[in-house]
mmCIF file of all heavy atoms, coordinates in Angstrom:
data_MODEL
# 
_entry.id   MODEL 
# 
loop_
_atom_site.group_PDB 
_atom_site.id 
_atom_site.type_symbol 
_atom_site.label_atom_id 
_atom_site.label_alt_id 
_atom_site.label_comp_id 
_atom_site.label_asym_id 
_atom_site.label_entity_id 
_atom_site.label_seq_id 
_atom_site.pdbx_PDB_ins_code 
_atom_site.Cartn_x 
_atom_site.Cartn_y 
_atom_site.Cartn_z 
_atom_site.occupancy 
_atom_site.B_iso_or_equiv 
_atom_site.pdbx_formal_charge 
_atom_site.auth_seq_id 
_atom_site.auth_comp_id 
_atom_site.auth_asym_id 
_atom_site.auth_atom_id 
_atom_site.pdbx_PDB_model_num 
ATOM 1   N N   . LEU A 1 1  ? -59.329 169.097 155.800 1.00 0.00 ? 1  LEU A N   1 
ATOM 2   C CA  . LEU A 1 1  ? -58.360 169.901 155.089 1.00 0.00 ? 1  LEU A CA  1 
ATOM 3   C C   . LEU A 1 1  ? -57.696 168.973 154.075 1.00 0.00 ? 1  LEU A C   1 
ATOM 4   O O   . LEU A 1 1  ? -57.256 167.873 154.436 1.00 0.00 ? 1  LEU A O   1 
ATOM 5   C CB  . LEU A 1 1  ? -57.321 170.464 156.060 1.00 0.00 ? 1  LEU A CB  1 
ATOM 6   C CG  . LEU A 1 1  ? -56.258 171.372 155.453 1.00 0.00 ? 1  LEU A CG  1 
ATOM 7   C CD1 . LEU A 1 1  ? -56.890 172.679 154.979 1.00 0.00 ? 1  LEU A CD1 1 
ATOM 8   C CD2 . LEU A 1 1  ? -55.174 171.650 156.486 1.00 0.00 ? 1  LEU A CD2 1 
ATOM 9   N N   . HIS A 1 2  ? -57.659 169.387 152.812 1.00 0.00 ? 2  HIS A N   1 
ATOM 10  C CA  . HIS A 1 2  ? -57.122 168.537 151.761 1.00 0.00 ? 2  HIS A CA  1 
ATOM 11  C C   . HIS A 1 2  ? -56.653 169.396 150.591 1.00 0.00 ? 2  HIS A C   1 
ATOM 12  O O   . HIS A 1 2  ? -56.862 170.611 150.580 1.00 0.00 ? 2  HIS A O   1 
ATOM 13  C CB  . HIS A 1 2  ? -58.170 167.513 151.292 1.00 0.00 ? 2  HIS A CB  1 
ATOM 14  C CG  . HIS A 1 2  ? -59.331 168.128 150.591 1.00 0.00 ? 2  HIS A CG  1 
ATOM 15  N ND1 . HIS A 1 2  ? -60.352 168.782 151.255 1.00 0.00 ? 2  HIS A ND1 1 
ATOM 16  C CD2 . HIS A 1 2  ? -59.643 168.199 149.278 1.00 0.00 ? 2  HIS A CD2 1 
ATOM 17  C CE1 . HIS A 1 2  ? -61.238 169.226 150.385 1.00 0.00 ? 2  HIS A CE1 1 
ATOM 18  N NE2 . HIS A 1 2  ? -60.829 168.889 149.167 1.00 0.00 ? 2  HIS A NE2 1 
ATOM 19  N N   . SER A 1 3  ? -56.022 168.750 149.623 1.00 0.00 ? 3  SER A N   1 
ATOM 20  C CA  . SER A 1 3  ? -55.617 169.448 148.404 1.00 0.00 ? 3  SER A CA  1 
ATOM 21  C C   . SER A 1 3  ? -55.764 168.497 147.223 1.00 0.00 ? 3  SER A C   1 
ATOM 22  O O   . SER A 1 3  ? -55.932 167.288 147.392 1.00 0.00 ? 3  SER A O   1 
ATOM 23  C CB  . SER A 1 3  ? -54.170 169.947 148.514 1.00 0.00 ? 3  SER A CB  1 
ATOM 24  O OG  . SER A 1 3  ? -53.272 168.858 148.605 1.00 0.00 ? 3  SER A OG  1 
ATOM 25  N N   . HIS A 1 4  ? -55.694 169.074 146.033 1.00 0.00 ? 4  HIS A N   1 
ATOM 26  C CA  . HIS A 1 4  ? -55.734 168.319 144.777 1.00 0.00 ? 4  HIS A CA  1 
ATOM 27  C C   . HIS A 1 4  ? -54.560 168.774 143.916 1.00 0.00 ? 4  HIS A C   1 
ATOM 28  O O   . HIS A 1 4  ? -54.096 169.906 144.050 1.00 0.00 ? 4  HIS A O   1 
ATOM 29  C CB  . HIS A 1 4  ? -57.038 168.577 144.015 1.00 0.00 ? 4  HIS A CB  1 
ATOM 30  C CG  . HIS A 1 4  ? -58.263 168.272 144.792 1.00 0.00 ? 4  HIS A CG  1 
ATOM 31  N ND1 . HIS A 1 4  ? -58.692 166.996 145.039 1.00 0.00 ? 4  HIS A ND1 1 
ATOM 32  C CD2 . HIS A 1 4  ? -59.164 169.088 145.396 1.00 0.00 ? 4  HIS A CD2 1 
ATOM 33  C CE1 . HIS A 1 4  ? -59.808 167.027 145.744 1.00 0.00 ? 4  HIS A CE1 1 
ATOM 34  N NE2 . HIS A 1 4  ? -60.119 168.290 145.978 1.00 0.00 ? 4  HIS A NE2 1 
ATOM 35  N N   . ASN A 1 5  ? -54.121 167.950 142.997 1.00 0.00 ? 5  ASN A N   1 
ATOM 36  C CA  . ASN A 1 5  ? -53.034 168.323 142.093 1.00 0.00 ? 5  ASN A CA  1 
ATOM 37  C C   . ASN A 1 5  ? -53.571 169.010 140.834 1.00 0.00 ? 5  ASN A C   1 
ATOM 38  O O   . ASN A 1 5  ? -52.954 168.965 139.785 1.00 0.00 ? 5  ASN A O   1 
ATOM 39  C CB  . ASN A 1 5  ? -52.198 167.099 141.716 1.00 0.00 ? 5  ASN A CB  1 
ATOM 40  C CG  . ASN A 1 5  ? -52.994 166.048 140.970 1.00 0.00 ? 5  ASN A CG  1 
ATOM 41  O OD1 . ASN A 1 5  ? -54.219 166.069 140.951 1.00 0.00 ? 5  ASN A OD1 1 
ATOM 42  N ND2 . ASN A 1 5  ? -52.302 165.108 140.364 1.00 0.00 ? 5  ASN A ND2 1 
ATOM 43  N N   . ALA A 1 6  ? -54.702 169.654 140.969 1.00 0.00 ? 6  ALA A N   1 
ATOM 44  C CA  . ALA A 1 6  ? -55.325 170.378 139.851 1.00 0.00 ? 6  ALA A CA  1 
ATOM 45  C C   . ALA A 1 6  ? -55.929 171.672 140.376 1.00 0.00 ? 6  ALA A C   1 
ATOM 46  O O   . ALA A 1 6  ? -56.346 171.745 141.532 1.00 0.00 ? 6  ALA A O   1 
ATOM 47  C CB  . ALA A 1 6  ? -56.417 169.519 139.221 1.00 0.00 ? 6  ALA A CB  1 
ATOM 48  N N   . ASP A 1 7  ? -55.969 172.693 139.513 1.00 0.00 ? 7  ASP A N   1 
ATOM 49  C CA  . ASP A 1 7  ? -56.722 173.904 139.852 1.00 0.00 ? 7  ASP A CA  1 
ATOM 50  C C   . ASP A 1 7  ? -58.188 173.533 139.908 1.00 0.00 ? 7  ASP A C   1 
ATOM 51  O O   . ASP A 1 7  ? -58.669 172.734 139.092 1.00 0.00 ? 7  ASP A O   1 
ATOM 52  C CB  . ASP A 1 7  ? -56.517 174.977 138.780 1.00 0.00 ? 7  ASP A CB  1 
ATOM 53  C CG  . ASP A 1 7  ? -55.100 175.514 138.722 1.00 0.00 ? 7  ASP A CG  1 
ATOM 54  O OD1 . ASP A 1 7  ? -54.379 175.431 139.734 1.00 0.00 ? 7  ASP A OD1 1 
ATOM 55  O OD2 . ASP A 1 7  ? -54.723 176.030 137.647 1.00 0.00 ? 7  ASP A OD2 1 
ATOM 56  N N   . CYS A 1 8  ? -58.925 174.114 140.858 1.00 0.00 ? 8  CYS A N   1 
ATOM 57  C CA  . CYS A 1 8  ? -60.344 173.788 141.032 1.00 0.00 ? 8  CYS A CA  1 
ATOM 58  C C   . CYS A 1 8  ? -61.184 175.067 141.057 1.00 0.00 ? 8  CYS A C   1 
ATOM 59  O O   . CYS A 1 8  ? -60.904 175.985 141.823 1.00 0.00 ? 8  CYS A O   1 
ATOM 60  C CB  . CYS A 1 8  ? -60.575 173.047 142.339 1.00 0.00 ? 8  CYS A CB  1 
ATOM 61  S SG  . CYS A 1 8  ? -59.610 171.545 142.531 1.00 0.00 ? 8  CYS A SG  1 
ATOM 62  N N   . LEU A 1 9  ? -62.212 175.087 140.232 1.00 0.00 ? 9  LEU A N   1 
ATOM 63  C CA  . LEU A 1 9  ? -63.188 176.172 140.228 1.00 0.00 ? 9  LEU A CA  1 
ATOM 64  C C   . LEU A 1 9  ? -64.499 175.581 140.717 1.00 0.00 ? 9  LEU A C   1 
ATOM 65  O O   . LEU A 1 9  ? -64.958 174.558 140.192 1.00 0.00 ? 9  LEU A O   1 
ATOM 66  C CB  . LEU A 1 9  ? -63.366 176.744 138.821 1.00 0.00 ? 9  LEU A CB  1 
ATOM 67  C CG  . LEU A 1 9  ? -64.436 177.818 138.671 1.00 0.00 ? 9  LEU A CG  1 
ATOM 68  C CD1 . LEU A 1 9  ? -64.061 179.062 139.470 1.00 0.00 ? 9  LEU A CD1 1 
ATOM 69  C CD2 . LEU A 1 9  ? -64.624 178.162 137.198 1.00 0.00 ? 9  LEU A CD2 1 
ATOM 70  N N   . TYR A 1 10 ? -65.093 176.198 141.730 1.00 0.00 ? 10 TYR A N   1 
ATOM 71  C CA  . TYR A 1 10 ? -66.325 175.697 142.339 1.00 0.00 ? 10 TYR A CA  1 
ATOM 72  C C   . TYR A 1 10 ? -67.459 176.687 142.083 1.00 0.00 ? 10 TYR A C   1 
ATOM 73  O O   . TYR A 1 10 ? -67.279 177.896 142.256 1.00 0.00 ? 10 TYR A O   1 
ATOM 74  C CB  . TYR A 1 10 ? -66.141 175.534 143.848 1.00 0.00 ? 10 TYR A CB  1 
ATOM 75  C CG  . TYR A 1 10 ? -65.111 174.497 144.201 1.00 0.00 ? 10 TYR A CG  1 
ATOM 76  C CD1 . TYR A 1 10 ? -63.765 174.818 144.240 1.00 0.00 ? 10 TYR A CD1 1 
ATOM 77  C CD2 . TYR A 1 10 ? -65.488 173.190 144.478 1.00 0.00 ? 10 TYR A CD2 1 
ATOM 78  C CE1 . TYR A 1 10 ? -62.810 173.861 144.550 1.00 0.00 ? 10 TYR A CE1 1 
ATOM 79  C CE2 . TYR A 1 10 ? -64.547 172.229 144.795 1.00 0.00 ? 10 TYR A CE2 1 
ATOM 80  C CZ  . TYR A 1 10 ? -63.213 172.579 144.823 1.00 0.00 ? 10 TYR A CZ  1 
ATOM 81  O OH  . TYR A 1 10 ? -62.276 171.632 145.131 1.00 0.00 ? 10 TYR A OH  1 
ATOM 82  N N   . TYR A 1 11 ? -68.617 176.157 141.711 1.00 0.00 ? 11 TYR A N   1 
ATOM 83  C CA  . TYR A 1 11 ? -69.816 176.977 141.509 1.00 0.00 ? 11 TYR A CA  1 
ATOM 84  C C   . TYR A 1 11 ? -70.931 176.382 142.362 1.00 0.00 ? 11 TYR A C   1 
ATOM 85  O O   . TYR A 1 11 ? -71.284 175.202 142.202 1.00 0.00 ? 11 TYR A O   1 
ATOM 86  C CB  . TYR A 1 11 ? -70.224 176.998 140.034 1.00 0.00 ? 11 TYR A CB  1 
ATOM 87  C CG  . TYR A 1 11 ? -71.463 177.816 139.789 1.00 0.00 ? 11 TYR A CG  1 
ATOM 88  C CD1 . TYR A 1 11 ? -71.414 179.210 139.857 1.00 0.00 ? 11 TYR A CD1 1 
ATOM 89  C CD2 . TYR A 1 11 ? -72.676 177.205 139.521 1.00 0.00 ? 11 TYR A CD2 1 
ATOM 90  C CE1 . TYR A 1 11 ? -72.563 179.971 139.646 1.00 0.00 ? 11 TYR A CE1 1 
ATOM 91  C CE2 . TYR A 1 11 ? -73.825 177.962 139.308 1.00 0.00 ? 11 TYR A CE2 1 
ATOM 92  C CZ  . TYR A 1 11 ? -73.768 179.347 139.375 1.00 0.00 ? 11 TYR A CZ  1 
ATOM 93  O OH  . TYR A 1 11 ? -74.890 180.085 139.175 1.00 0.00 ? 11 TYR A OH  1 
ATOM 94  N N   . ILE A 1 12 ? -71.468 177.176 143.270 1.00 0.00 ? 12 ILE A N   1 
ATOM 95  C CA  . ILE A 1 12 ? -72.496 176.702 144.204 1.00 0.00 ? 12 ILE A CA  1 
ATOM 96  C C   . ILE A 1 12 ? -73.858 176.765 143.524 1.00 0.00 ? 12 ILE A C   1 
ATOM 97  O O   . ILE A 1 12 ? -74.296 177.829 143.072 1.00 0.00 ? 12 ILE A O   1 
ATOM 98  C CB  . ILE A 1 12 ? -72.487 177.537 145.490 1.00 0.00 ? 12 ILE A CB  1 
ATOM 99  C CG1 . ILE A 1 12 ? -71.111 177.441 146.164 1.00 0.00 ? 12 ILE A CG1 1 
ATOM 100 C CG2 . ILE A 1 12 ? -73.602 177.086 146.440 1.00 0.00 ? 12 ILE A CG2 1 
ATOM 101 C CD1 . ILE A 1 12 ? -70.912 178.396 147.318 1.00 0.00 ? 12 ILE A CD1 1 
ATOM 102 N N   . ILE A 1 13 ? -74.542 175.614 143.456 1.00 0.00 ? 13 ILE A N   1 
ATOM 103 C CA  . ILE A 1 13 ? -75.857 175.561 142.810 1.00 0.00 ? 13 ILE A CA  1 
ATOM 104 C C   . ILE A 1 13 ? -77.005 175.459 143.809 1.00 0.00 ? 13 ILE A C   1 
ATOM 105 O O   . ILE A 1 13 ? -78.156 175.622 143.439 1.00 0.00 ? 13 ILE A O   1 
ATOM 106 C CB  . ILE A 1 13 ? -75.938 174.410 141.783 1.00 0.00 ? 13 ILE A CB  1 
ATOM 107 C CG1 . ILE A 1 13 ? -75.635 173.057 142.424 1.00 0.00 ? 13 ILE A CG1 1 
ATOM 108 C CG2 . ILE A 1 13 ? -75.006 174.675 140.623 1.00 0.00 ? 13 ILE A CG2 1 
ATOM 109 C CD1 . ILE A 1 13 ? -75.781 171.871 141.478 1.00 0.00 ? 13 ILE A CD1 1 
ATOM 110 N N   . GLY A 1 14 ? -76.689 175.222 145.083 1.00 0.00 ? 14 GLY A N   1 
ATOM 111 C CA  . GLY A 1 14 ? -77.731 175.170 146.103 1.00 0.00 ? 14 GLY A CA  1 
ATOM 112 C C   . GLY A 1 14 ? -77.123 175.228 147.490 1.00 0.00 ? 14 GLY A C   1 
ATOM 113 O O   . GLY A 1 14 ? -76.005 174.773 147.717 1.00 0.00 ? 14 GLY A O   1 
ATOM 114 N N   . GLY A 1 15 ? -77.849 175.843 148.421 1.00 0.00 ? 15 GLY A N   1 
ATOM 115 C CA  . GLY A 1 15 ? -77.364 175.931 149.792 1.00 0.00 ? 15 GLY A CA  1 
ATOM 116 C C   . GLY A 1 15 ? -76.244 176.940 149.918 1.00 0.00 ? 15 GLY A C   1 
ATOM 117 O O   . GLY A 1 15 ? -76.205 177.942 149.216 1.00 0.00 ? 15 GLY A O   1 
ATOM 118 N N   . GLY A 1 16 ? -75.328 176.645 150.819 1.00 0.00 ? 16 GLY A N   1 
ATOM 119 C CA  . GLY A 1 16 ? -74.223 177.568 151.039 1.00 0.00 ? 16 GLY A CA  1 
ATOM 120 C C   . GLY A 1 16 ? -73.124 176.920 151.854 1.00 0.00 ? 16 GLY A C   1 
ATOM 121 O O   . GLY A 1 16 ? -73.249 175.782 152.321 1.00 0.00 ? 16 GLY A O   1 
ATOM 122 N N   . LEU A 1 17 ? -72.044 177.685 152.030 1.00 0.00 ? 17 LEU A N   1 
ATOM 123 C CA  . LEU A 1 17 ? -70.900 177.182 152.780 1.00 0.00 ? 17 LEU A CA  1 
ATOM 124 C C   . LEU A 1 17 ? -70.114 178.336 153.354 1.00 0.00 ? 17 LEU A C   1 
ATOM 125 O O   . LEU A 1 17 ? -70.286 179.491 152.958 1.00 0.00 ? 17 LEU A O   1 
ATOM 126 C CB  . LEU A 1 17 ? -70.004 176.312 151.877 1.00 0.00 ? 17 LEU A CB  1 
ATOM 127 C CG  . LEU A 1 17 ? -69.404 176.946 150.620 1.00 0.00 ? 17 LEU A CG  1 
ATOM 128 C CD1 . LEU A 1 17 ? -68.123 177.737 150.913 1.00 0.00 ? 17 LEU A CD1 1 
ATOM 129 C CD2 . LEU A 1 17 ? -69.089 175.862 149.609 1.00 0.00 ? 17 LEU A CD2 1 
ATOM 130 N N   . ARG A 1 18 ? -69.254 178.003 154.305 1.00 0.00 ? 18 ARG A N   1 
ATOM 131 C CA  . ARG A 1 18 ? -68.318 178.979 154.865 1.00 0.00 ? 18 ARG A CA  1 
ATOM 132 C C   . ARG A 1 18 ? -66.928 178.573 154.415 1.00 0.00 ? 18 ARG A C   1 
ATOM 133 O O   . ARG A 1 18 ? -66.486 177.449 154.640 1.00 0.00 ? 18 ARG A O   1 
ATOM 134 C CB  . ARG A 1 18 ? -68.392 179.017 156.373 1.00 0.00 ? 18 ARG A CB  1 
ATOM 135 C CG  . ARG A 1 18 ? -67.335 179.962 156.973 1.00 0.00 ? 18 ARG A CG  1 
ATOM 136 C CD  . ARG A 1 18 ? -67.661 180.312 158.394 1.00 0.00 ? 18 ARG A CD  1 
ATOM 137 N NE  . ARG A 1 18 ? -68.586 181.424 158.406 1.00 0.00 ? 18 ARG A NE  1 
ATOM 138 C CZ  . ARG A 1 18 ? -68.244 182.680 158.717 1.00 0.00 ? 18 ARG A CZ  1 
ATOM 139 N NH1 . ARG A 1 18 ? -67.018 182.966 159.024 1.00 0.00 ? 18 ARG A NH1 1 
ATOM 140 N NH2 . ARG A 1 18 ? -69.144 183.635 158.718 1.00 0.00 ? 18 ARG A NH2 1 
ATOM 141 N N   . LEU A 1 19 ? -66.236 179.497 153.768 1.00 0.00 ? 19 LEU A N   1 
ATOM 142 C CA  . LEU A 1 19 ? -64.867 179.311 153.294 1.00 0.00 ? 19 LEU A CA  1 
ATOM 143 C C   . LEU A 1 19 ? -64.028 180.390 153.959 1.00 0.00 ? 19 LEU A C   1 
ATOM 144 O O   . LEU A 1 19 ? -64.181 181.575 153.639 1.00 0.00 ? 19 LEU A O   1 
ATOM 145 C CB  . LEU A 1 19 ? -64.810 179.438 151.769 1.00 0.00 ? 19 LEU A CB  1 
ATOM 146 C CG  . LEU A 1 19 ? -63.438 179.345 151.118 1.00 0.00 ? 19 LEU A CG  1 
ATOM 147 C CD1 . LEU A 1 19 ? -62.856 177.936 151.279 1.00 0.00 ? 19 LEU A CD1 1 
ATOM 148 C CD2 . LEU A 1 19 ? -63.539 179.693 149.638 1.00 0.00 ? 19 LEU A CD2 1 
ATOM 149 N N   . GLY A 1 20 ? -63.207 180.003 154.921 1.00 0.00 ? 20 GLY A N   1 
ATOM 150 C CA  . GLY A 1 20 ? -62.467 181.001 155.696 1.00 0.00 ? 20 GLY A CA  1 
ATOM 151 C C   . GLY A 1 20 ? -63.445 181.858 156.475 1.00 0.00 ? 20 GLY A C   1 
ATOM 152 O O   . GLY A 1 20 ? -64.253 181.347 157.240 1.00 0.00 ? 20 GLY A O   1 
ATOM 153 N N   . ARG A 1 21 ? -63.434 183.152 156.212 1.00 0.00 ? 21 ARG A N   1 
ATOM 154 C CA  . ARG A 1 21 ? -64.360 184.077 156.890 1.00 0.00 ? 21 ARG A CA  1 
ATOM 155 C C   . ARG A 1 21 ? -65.539 184.471 156.011 1.00 0.00 ? 21 ARG A C   1 
ATOM 156 O O   . ARG A 1 21 ? -66.343 185.319 156.378 1.00 0.00 ? 21 ARG A O   1 
ATOM 157 C CB  . ARG A 1 21 ? -63.611 185.337 157.305 1.00 0.00 ? 21 ARG A CB  1 
ATOM 158 C CG  . ARG A 1 21 ? -62.586 185.081 158.364 1.00 0.00 ? 21 ARG A CG  1 
ATOM 159 C CD  . ARG A 1 21 ? -61.954 186.383 158.804 1.00 0.00 ? 21 ARG A CD  1 
ATOM 160 N NE  . ARG A 1 21 ? -60.566 186.113 159.130 1.00 0.00 ? 21 ARG A NE  1 
ATOM 161 C CZ  . ARG A 1 21 ? -59.578 186.948 158.996 1.00 0.00 ? 21 ARG A CZ  1 
ATOM 162 N NH1 . ARG A 1 21 ? -59.794 188.144 158.532 1.00 0.00 ? 21 ARG A NH1 1 
ATOM 163 N NH2 . ARG A 1 21 ? -58.361 186.600 159.320 1.00 0.00 ? 21 ARG A NH2 1 
ATOM 164 N N   . GLU A 1 22 ? -65.622 183.867 154.834 1.00 0.00 ? 22 GLU A N   1 
ATOM 165 C CA  . GLU A 1 22 ? -66.664 184.219 153.868 1.00 0.00 ? 22 GLU A CA  1 
ATOM 166 C C   . GLU A 1 22 ? -67.814 183.216 153.878 1.00 0.00 ? 22 GLU A C   1 
ATOM 167 O O   . GLU A 1 22 ? -67.589 182.007 153.890 1.00 0.00 ? 22 GLU A O   1 
ATOM 168 C CB  . GLU A 1 22 ? -66.073 184.253 152.455 1.00 0.00 ? 22 GLU A CB  1 
ATOM 169 C CG  . GLU A 1 22 ? -64.971 185.259 152.264 1.00 0.00 ? 22 GLU A CG  1 
ATOM 170 C CD  . GLU A 1 22 ? -65.461 186.690 152.306 1.00 0.00 ? 22 GLU A CD  1 
ATOM 171 O OE1 . GLU A 1 22 ? -66.581 186.953 151.818 1.00 0.00 ? 22 GLU A OE1 1 
ATOM 172 O OE2 . GLU A 1 22 ? -64.731 187.545 152.827 1.00 0.00 ? 22 GLU A OE2 1 
ATOM 173 N N   . ASP A 1 23 ? -69.028 183.736 153.861 1.00 0.00 ? 23 ASP A N   1 
ATOM 174 C CA  . ASP A 1 23 ? -70.217 182.912 153.677 1.00 0.00 ? 23 ASP A CA  1 
ATOM 175 C C   . ASP A 1 23 ? -70.619 183.025 152.217 1.00 0.00 ? 23 ASP A C   1 
ATOM 176 O O   . ASP A 1 23 ? -70.876 184.129 151.723 1.00 0.00 ? 23 ASP A O   1 
ATOM 177 C CB  . ASP A 1 23 ? -71.359 183.381 154.581 1.00 0.00 ? 23 ASP A CB  1 
ATOM 178 C CG  . ASP A 1 23 ? -71.080 183.086 156.046 1.00 0.00 ? 23 ASP A CG  1 
ATOM 179 O OD1 . ASP A 1 23 ? -70.615 181.963 156.336 1.00 0.00 ? 23 ASP A OD1 1 
ATOM 180 O OD2 . ASP A 1 23 ? -71.325 183.962 156.895 1.00 0.00 ? 23 ASP A OD2 1 
ATOM 181 N N   . LEU A 1 24 ? -70.658 181.884 151.526 1.00 0.00 ? 24 LEU A N   1 
ATOM 182 C CA  . LEU A 1 24 ? -71.011 181.854 150.110 1.00 0.00 ? 24 LEU A CA  1 
ATOM 183 C C   . LEU A 1 24 ? -72.331 181.126 149.936 1.00 0.00 ? 24 LEU A C   1 
ATOM 184 O O   . LEU A 1 24 ? -72.660 180.228 150.719 1.00 0.00 ? 24 LEU A O   1 
ATOM 185 C CB  . LEU A 1 24 ? -69.906 181.160 149.312 1.00 0.00 ? 24 LEU A CB  1 
ATOM 186 C CG  . LEU A 1 24 ? -68.502 181.750 149.471 1.00 0.00 ? 24 LEU A CG  1 
ATOM 187 C CD1 . LEU A 1 24 ? -67.482 180.910 148.715 1.00 0.00 ? 24 LEU A CD1 1 
ATOM 188 C CD2 . LEU A 1 24 ? -68.469 183.186 148.998 1.00 0.00 ? 24 LEU A CD2 1 
ATOM 189 N N   . LYS A 1 25 ? -73.090 181.492 148.897 1.00 0.00 ? 25 LYS A N   1 
ATOM 190 C CA  . LYS A 1 25 ? -74.417 180.920 148.669 1.00 0.00 ? 25 LYS A CA  1 
ATOM 191 C C   . LYS A 1 25 ? -74.581 180.557 147.198 1.00 0.00 ? 25 LYS A C   1 
ATOM 192 O O   . LYS A 1 25 ? -73.685 180.798 146.385 1.00 0.00 ? 25 LYS A O   1 
ATOM 193 C CB  . LYS A 1 25 ? -75.485 181.911 149.106 1.00 0.00 ? 25 LYS A CB  1 
ATOM 194 C CG  . LYS A 1 25 ? -75.461 183.198 148.307 1.00 0.00 ? 25 LYS A CG  1 
ATOM 195 C CD  . LYS A 1 25 ? -76.430 184.209 148.862 1.00 0.00 ? 25 LYS A CD  1 
ATOM 196 C CE  . LYS A 1 25 ? -76.454 185.499 148.091 1.00 0.00 ? 25 LYS A CE  1 
ATOM 197 N NZ  . LYS A 1 25 ? -75.254 186.004 147.500 1.00 0.00 ? 25 LYS A NZ  1 
ATOM 198 N N   . ALA A 1 26 ? -75.738 179.997 146.866 1.00 0.00 ? 26 ALA A N   1 
ATOM 199 C CA  . ALA A 1 26 ? -76.031 179.632 145.477 1.00 0.00 ? 26 ALA A CA  1 
ATOM 200 C C   . ALA A 1 26 ? -75.765 180.819 144.555 1.00 0.00 ? 26 ALA A C   1 
ATOM 201 O O   . ALA A 1 26 ? -76.157 181.946 144.850 1.00 0.00 ? 26 ALA A O   1 
ATOM 202 C CB  . ALA A 1 26 ? -77.476 179.171 145.345 1.00 0.00 ? 26 ALA A CB  1 
ATOM 203 N N   . GLY A 1 27 ? -75.053 180.535 143.463 1.00 0.00 ? 27 GLY A N   1 
ATOM 204 C CA  . GLY A 1 27 ? -74.684 181.565 142.506 1.00 0.00 ? 27 GLY A CA  1 
ATOM 205 C C   . GLY A 1 27 ? -73.275 182.095 142.708 1.00 0.00 ? 27 GLY A C   1 
ATOM 206 O O   . GLY A 1 27 ? -72.727 182.761 141.833 1.00 0.00 ? 27 GLY A O   1 
# 
């Protein structure tokens, strides 16, 4: 668990991840 002092936009180019209750994939 961490934070940054900047707004961050993430774009998944391969594989996937779980963010909270959401499963996200490439695209």
